[in-house]
Amino acid sequence: MKAKHRQKFPNTDIYDSDTDEWDFLHTLNPQPQNGQEMVHARHAMAAGLAGKRAAIAVIPVVNVATRAACHTVGVGITQAAWDNRPG
């Protein structure tokens, strides 16, 4: 994903690969040359991050396992939003 993005925007680093946003985006694998697809991916990513934050609010993150569970909730929401995108 990052390589595709660099081809289109060689002098710009939009995504930090050490963040949840990048992890969610990488899971979706949108095509950077398709602007509409990137917009849908960003919307799906926002839904996933909101879901992860909601899970953290409900489930206290006390160890690696609970953090991973909250992340999995976010990934699932991201994927569902991506799978149900318009068009």
Protein backbone atom coordinates (compact mmCIF):
# COMPACT_ATOMS: atom_id res chain seq x y z
CA MET A 1 0.00 0.00 0.00
CA LYS A 2 2.72 2.45 0.96
CA ALA A 3 4.65 1.68 -2.24
CA LYS A 4 1.55 2.39 -4.36
CA HIS A 5 1.04 5.66 -2.51
CA ARG A 6 4.68 6.67 -3.03
CA GLN A 7 4.31 6.07 -6.79
CA LYS A 8 1.50 8.60 -6.96
CA PHE A 9 2.90 11.02 -4.35
CA PRO A 10 6.69 10.46 -4.31
CA ASN A 11 7.54 13.41 -2.05
CA THR A 12 4.75 13.00 0.49
CA ASP A 13 4.25 10.67 3.43
CA ILE A 14 0.56 10.91 4.29
CA TYR A 15 0.31 7.81 6.48
CA ASP A 16 2.51 6.87 9.42
CA SER A 17 2.88 3.09 9.21
CA ASP A 18 3.11 2.78 13.01
CA THR A 19 -0.46 3.95 13.67
CA ASP A 20 -3.84 2.24 13.88
CA GLU A 21 -4.98 4.29 10.92
CA TRP A 22 -2.29 2.76 8.74
CA ASP A 23 -3.07 -0.72 10.01
CA PHE A 24 -6.75 -0.30 9.18
CA LEU A 25 -5.98 1.23 5.77
CA HIS A 26 -3.47 -1.50 4.94
CA THR A 27 -6.14 -4.13 5.71
CA LEU A 28 -8.47 -2.59 3.11
CA ASN A 29 -5.82 -2.20 0.39
CA PRO A 30 -7.52 0.60 -1.58
CA GLN A 31 -5.94 1.76 -4.82
CA PRO A 32 -4.27 5.18 -4.29
CA GLN A 33 -4.85 6.16 -7.91
CA ASN A 34 -8.61 5.82 -7.36
CA GLY A 35 -9.67 8.93 -5.43
CA GLN A 36 -13.19 7.69 -4.72
CA GLU A 37 -11.83 4.44 -3.29
CA MET A 38 -9.44 6.36 -1.04
CA VAL A 39 -12.31 8.51 0.27
CA HIS A 40 -14.32 5.37 1.05
CA ALA A 41 -11.28 3.86 2.77
CA ARG A 42 -10.85 6.96 4.93
CA HIS A 43 -14.51 6.81 5.95
CA ALA A 44 -14.19 3.12 6.81
CA MET A 45 -11.02 3.91 8.78
CA ALA A 46 -12.79 6.62 10.77
CA ALA A 47 -15.62 4.20 11.62
CA GLY A 48 -13.10 1.60 12.75
CA LEU A 49 -11.19 4.05 14.93
CA ALA A 50 -14.44 5.21 16.53
CA GLY A 51 -15.37 1.59 17.18
CA LYS A 52 -11.99 0.88 18.74
CA ARG A 53 -12.31 3.93 20.99
CA ALA A 54 -15.82 2.86 22.02
CA ALA A 55 -14.53 -0.63 22.85
CA ILE A 56 -11.74 0.87 24.95
CA ALA A 57 -14.32 3.00 26.79
CA VAL A 58 -16.33 -0.12 27.64
CA ILE A 59 -13.50 -2.63 28.16
CA PRO A 60 -10.69 -1.31 30.36
CA VAL A 61 -7.39 -1.87 28.57
CA VAL A 62 -5.35 -3.55 31.26
CA ASN A 63 -3.08 -5.79 29.21
CA VAL A 64 -2.01 -6.76 25.70
CA ALA A 65 -4.94 -9.15 25.26
CA THR A 66 -7.61 -6.52 25.97
CA ARG A 67 -5.79 -4.00 23.77
CA ALA A 68 -5.73 -6.58 20.97
CA ALA A 69 -9.43 -7.30 21.47
CA CYS A 70 -10.29 -3.60 21.15
CA HIS A 71 -8.13 -3.36 18.04
CA THR A 72 -9.90 -6.38 16.55
CA VAL A 73 -13.25 -4.63 17.11
CA GLY A 74 -11.91 -1.63 15.18
CA VAL A 75 -10.61 -3.79 12.33
CA GLY A 76 -13.97 -5.57 12.08
CA ILE A 77 -15.89 -2.31 11.92
CA THR A 78 -13.46 -0.94 9.34
CA GLN A 79 -13.87 -4.03 7.18
CA ALA A 80 -17.67 -3.96 7.48
CA ALA A 81 -17.78 -0.29 6.48
CA TRP A 82 -15.49 -1.02 3.52
CA ASP A 83 -17.53 -4.04 2.40
CA ASN A 84 -20.75 -2.00 2.53
CA ARG A 85 -19.43 1.14 0.80
CA PRO A 86 -21.64 2.64 -1.90
CA GLY A 87 -21.03 1.79 -5.51
